[in-house]
Amino acid sequence: MSLNTKMIVITWMNMTKSVIHVKLFQKHFQMKWLLFQQIICIALFMRLVINNLNTLKNMGEENQGSHPILE
């Protein structure tokens, strides 16, 4: 193998190595981003549920004692 061919092979191997690293990093970043989105989604959903429960509780407290059917 001539020196020129060796250089080309080494360069090509280094390029493929860096491409693989970039792909792995992109995949890793994508997974982190998906996890982050899921956490935000769950947090927003929980906030919505808690707000709804508080609203229902407040409505229940307002209606206590003045319900026409119970009196």
N, C-alpha and C. Protein backbone atom coordinates (compact mmCIF):
# COMPACT_ATOMS: atom_id res chain seq x y z
N MET A 1 0.87 -1.19 0.00
CA MET A 1 0.00 0.00 0.00
C MET A 1 0.91 1.24 0.00
N SER A 2 0.65 2.11 -0.92
CA SER A 2 1.49 3.31 -0.99
C SER A 2 1.11 4.29 0.12
N LEU A 3 1.99 5.24 0.34
CA LEU A 3 1.79 6.23 1.40
C LEU A 3 0.51 7.02 1.16
N ASN A 4 0.27 7.37 -0.10
CA ASN A 4 -0.90 8.16 -0.47
C ASN A 4 -2.18 7.40 -0.13
N THR A 5 -2.23 6.13 -0.46
CA THR A 5 -3.41 5.31 -0.18
C THR A 5 -3.62 5.18 1.33
N LYS A 6 -2.53 5.01 2.07
CA LYS A 6 -2.63 4.93 3.54
C LYS A 6 -3.24 6.21 4.11
N MET A 7 -2.77 7.34 3.60
CA MET A 7 -3.30 8.62 4.08
C MET A 7 -4.79 8.72 3.80
N ILE A 8 -5.19 8.31 2.60
CA ILE A 8 -6.61 8.37 2.22
C ILE A 8 -7.43 7.46 3.14
N VAL A 9 -6.93 6.25 3.39
CA VAL A 9 -7.65 5.29 4.24
C VAL A 9 -7.77 5.85 5.67
N ILE A 10 -6.68 6.39 6.21
CA ILE A 10 -6.70 6.94 7.57
C ILE A 10 -7.66 8.11 7.65
N THR A 11 -7.61 8.99 6.65
CA THR A 11 -8.52 10.14 6.63
C THR A 11 -9.97 9.67 6.57
N TRP A 12 -10.23 8.67 5.72
CA TRP A 12 -11.60 8.16 5.57
C TRP A 12 -12.08 7.53 6.88
N MET A 13 -11.20 6.79 7.56
CA MET A 13 -11.57 6.17 8.83
C MET A 13 -11.87 7.23 9.89
N ASN A 14 -11.05 8.27 9.93
CA ASN A 14 -11.28 9.34 10.89
C ASN A 14 -12.60 10.05 10.60
N MET A 15 -12.89 10.25 9.32
CA MET A 15 -14.14 10.92 8.96
C MET A 15 -15.34 10.07 9.37
N THR A 16 -15.27 8.76 9.09
CA THR A 16 -16.40 7.90 9.46
C THR A 16 -16.55 7.86 10.98
N LYS A 17 -15.42 7.86 11.69
CA LYS A 17 -15.47 7.87 13.16
C LYS A 17 -16.18 9.12 13.66
N SER A 18 -15.82 10.27 13.09
CA SER A 18 -16.45 11.52 13.55
C SER A 18 -17.92 11.55 13.16
N VAL A 19 -18.27 10.99 12.01
CA VAL A 19 -19.68 10.94 11.60
C VAL A 19 -20.47 10.08 12.58
N ILE A 20 -19.88 8.95 12.98
CA ILE A 20 -20.55 8.06 13.95
C ILE A 20 -20.73 8.80 15.28
N HIS A 21 -19.69 9.53 15.69
CA HIS A 21 -19.79 10.30 16.95
C HIS A 21 -20.90 11.33 16.87
N VAL A 22 -20.99 12.03 15.74
CA VAL A 22 -22.04 13.04 15.56
C VAL A 22 -23.40 12.39 15.62
N LYS A 23 -23.55 11.23 14.95
CA LYS A 23 -24.83 10.52 14.96
C LYS A 23 -25.20 10.11 16.38
N LEU A 24 -24.23 9.57 17.12
CA LEU A 24 -24.50 9.16 18.50
C LEU A 24 -24.90 10.35 19.35
N PHE A 25 -24.19 11.47 19.15
CA PHE A 25 -24.50 12.67 19.93
C PHE A 25 -25.91 13.16 19.60
N GLN A 26 -26.25 13.13 18.29
CA GLN A 26 -27.59 13.58 17.89
C GLN A 26 -28.65 12.70 18.52
N LYS A 27 -28.41 11.39 18.52
CA LYS A 27 -29.37 10.45 19.12
C LYS A 27 -29.50 10.72 20.62
N HIS A 28 -28.35 10.90 21.28
CA HIS A 28 -28.33 11.18 22.72
C HIS A 28 -29.09 12.47 23.01
N PHE A 29 -28.84 13.50 22.21
CA PHE A 29 -29.49 14.80 22.39
C PHE A 29 -30.99 14.67 22.16
N GLN A 30 -31.37 13.88 21.13
CA GLN A 30 -32.79 13.67 20.82
C GLN A 30 -33.50 12.99 21.98
N MET A 31 -32.84 11.99 22.57
CA MET A 31 -33.44 11.28 23.71
C MET A 31 -33.62 12.23 24.89
N LYS A 32 -32.59 13.05 25.15
CA LYS A 32 -32.69 14.01 26.26
C LYS A 32 -33.82 15.00 26.00
N TRP A 33 -33.94 15.47 24.76
CA TRP A 33 -34.97 16.44 24.40
C TRP A 33 -36.35 15.83 24.58
N LEU A 34 -36.52 14.56 24.15
CA LEU A 34 -37.81 13.87 24.31
C LEU A 34 -38.16 13.72 25.79
N LEU A 35 -37.17 13.35 26.59
CA LEU A 35 -37.39 13.20 28.03
C LEU A 35 -37.81 14.54 28.64
N PHE A 36 -37.11 15.60 28.24
CA PHE A 36 -37.41 16.95 28.72
C PHE A 36 -38.84 17.34 28.35
N GLN A 37 -39.24 17.05 27.10
CA GLN A 37 -40.60 17.37 26.66
C GLN A 37 -41.63 16.59 27.46
N GLN A 38 -41.34 15.32 27.72
CA GLN A 38 -42.28 14.50 28.49
C GLN A 38 -42.44 15.03 29.90
N ILE A 39 -41.33 15.44 30.51
CA ILE A 39 -41.38 15.98 31.88
C ILE A 39 -42.22 17.25 31.91
N ILE A 40 -42.01 18.13 30.92
CA ILE A 40 -42.78 19.38 30.85
C ILE A 40 -44.27 19.06 30.66
N CYS A 41 -44.55 18.10 29.78
CA CYS A 41 -45.94 17.72 29.50
C CYS A 41 -46.61 17.19 30.77
N ILE A 42 -45.92 16.33 31.50
CA ILE A 42 -46.47 15.77 32.74
C ILE A 42 -46.69 16.87 33.77
N ALA A 43 -45.71 17.80 33.87
CA ALA A 43 -45.82 18.89 34.84
C ALA A 43 -47.02 19.77 34.51
N LEU A 44 -47.21 20.09 33.24
CA LEU A 44 -48.36 20.92 32.84
C LEU A 44 -49.67 20.21 33.13
N PHE A 45 -49.70 18.90 32.84
CA PHE A 45 -50.91 18.11 33.08
C PHE A 45 -51.24 18.08 34.57
N MET A 46 -50.20 17.87 35.40
CA MET A 46 -50.41 17.84 36.85
C MET A 46 -50.93 19.19 37.35
N ARG A 47 -50.38 20.28 36.81
CA ARG A 47 -50.83 21.61 37.21
C ARG A 47 -52.30 21.81 36.85
N LEU A 48 -52.66 21.32 35.66
CA LEU A 48 -54.05 21.43 35.21
C LEU A 48 -54.97 20.64 36.15
N VAL A 49 -54.56 19.42 36.49
CA VAL A 49 -55.37 18.58 37.39
C VAL A 49 -55.51 19.24 38.75
N ILE A 50 -54.41 19.76 39.29
CA ILE A 50 -54.45 20.40 40.61
C ILE A 50 -55.34 21.64 40.58
N ASN A 51 -55.23 22.43 39.50
CA ASN A 51 -56.09 23.61 39.36
C ASN A 51 -57.56 23.21 39.32
N ASN A 52 -57.86 22.13 38.59
CA ASN A 52 -59.25 21.66 38.50
C ASN A 52 -59.74 21.18 39.86
N LEU A 53 -58.90 20.47 40.60
CA LEU A 53 -59.29 19.99 41.93
C LEU A 53 -59.54 21.16 42.87
N ASN A 54 -58.66 22.17 42.80
CA ASN A 54 -58.84 23.35 43.66
C ASN A 54 -60.13 24.08 43.30
N THR A 55 -60.42 24.17 42.01
CA THR A 55 -61.65 24.84 41.57
C THR A 55 -62.87 24.09 42.08
N LEU A 56 -62.84 22.75 41.95
CA LEU A 56 -63.96 21.94 42.42
C LEU A 56 -64.12 22.07 43.94
N LYS A 57 -62.98 22.07 44.65
CA LYS A 57 -63.03 22.20 46.11
C LYS A 57 -63.62 23.55 46.51
N ASN A 58 -63.19 24.61 45.81
CA ASN A 58 -63.71 25.95 46.10
C ASN A 58 -65.20 26.03 45.81
N MET A 59 -65.63 25.40 44.71
CA MET A 59 -67.06 25.40 44.38
C MET A 59 -67.84 24.66 45.45
N GLY A 60 -67.27 23.56 45.94
CA GLY A 60 -67.92 22.78 46.99
C GLY A 60 -68.05 23.58 48.27
N GLU A 61 -67.02 24.34 48.62
CA GLU A 61 -67.06 25.15 49.84
C GLU A 61 -68.06 26.29 49.71
N GLU A 62 -68.17 26.87 48.51
CA GLU A 62 -69.12 27.96 48.29
C GLU A 62 -70.56 27.46 48.40
N ASN A 63 -70.80 26.24 47.91
CA ASN A 63 -72.16 25.71 47.88
C ASN A 63 -72.58 25.07 49.20
N GLN A 64 -71.64 24.85 50.10
CA GLN A 64 -71.96 24.16 51.36
C GLN A 64 -72.95 24.98 52.20
N GLY A 65 -73.99 24.32 52.66
CA GLY A 65 -74.93 24.99 53.55
C GLY A 65 -76.01 25.76 52.82
N SER A 66 -75.84 26.00 51.54
CA SER A 66 -76.86 26.78 50.82
C SER A 66 -77.42 25.99 49.64
N HIS A 67 -77.35 24.67 49.76
CA HIS A 67 -77.86 23.84 48.68
C HIS A 67 -79.36 23.68 48.84
N PRO A 68 -80.14 24.03 47.82
CA PRO A 68 -81.61 24.00 47.96
C PRO A 68 -82.18 22.62 48.24
N ILE A 69 -81.53 21.56 47.72
CA ILE A 69 -82.07 20.21 47.90
C ILE A 69 -81.84 19.74 49.34
N LEU A 70 -80.70 20.11 49.93
CA LEU A 70 -80.37 19.65 51.28
C LEU A 70 -81.18 20.36 52.35
N GLU A 71 -81.67 21.56 52.09
CA GLU A 71 -82.40 22.32 53.13
C GLU A 71 -83.85 21.90 53.23
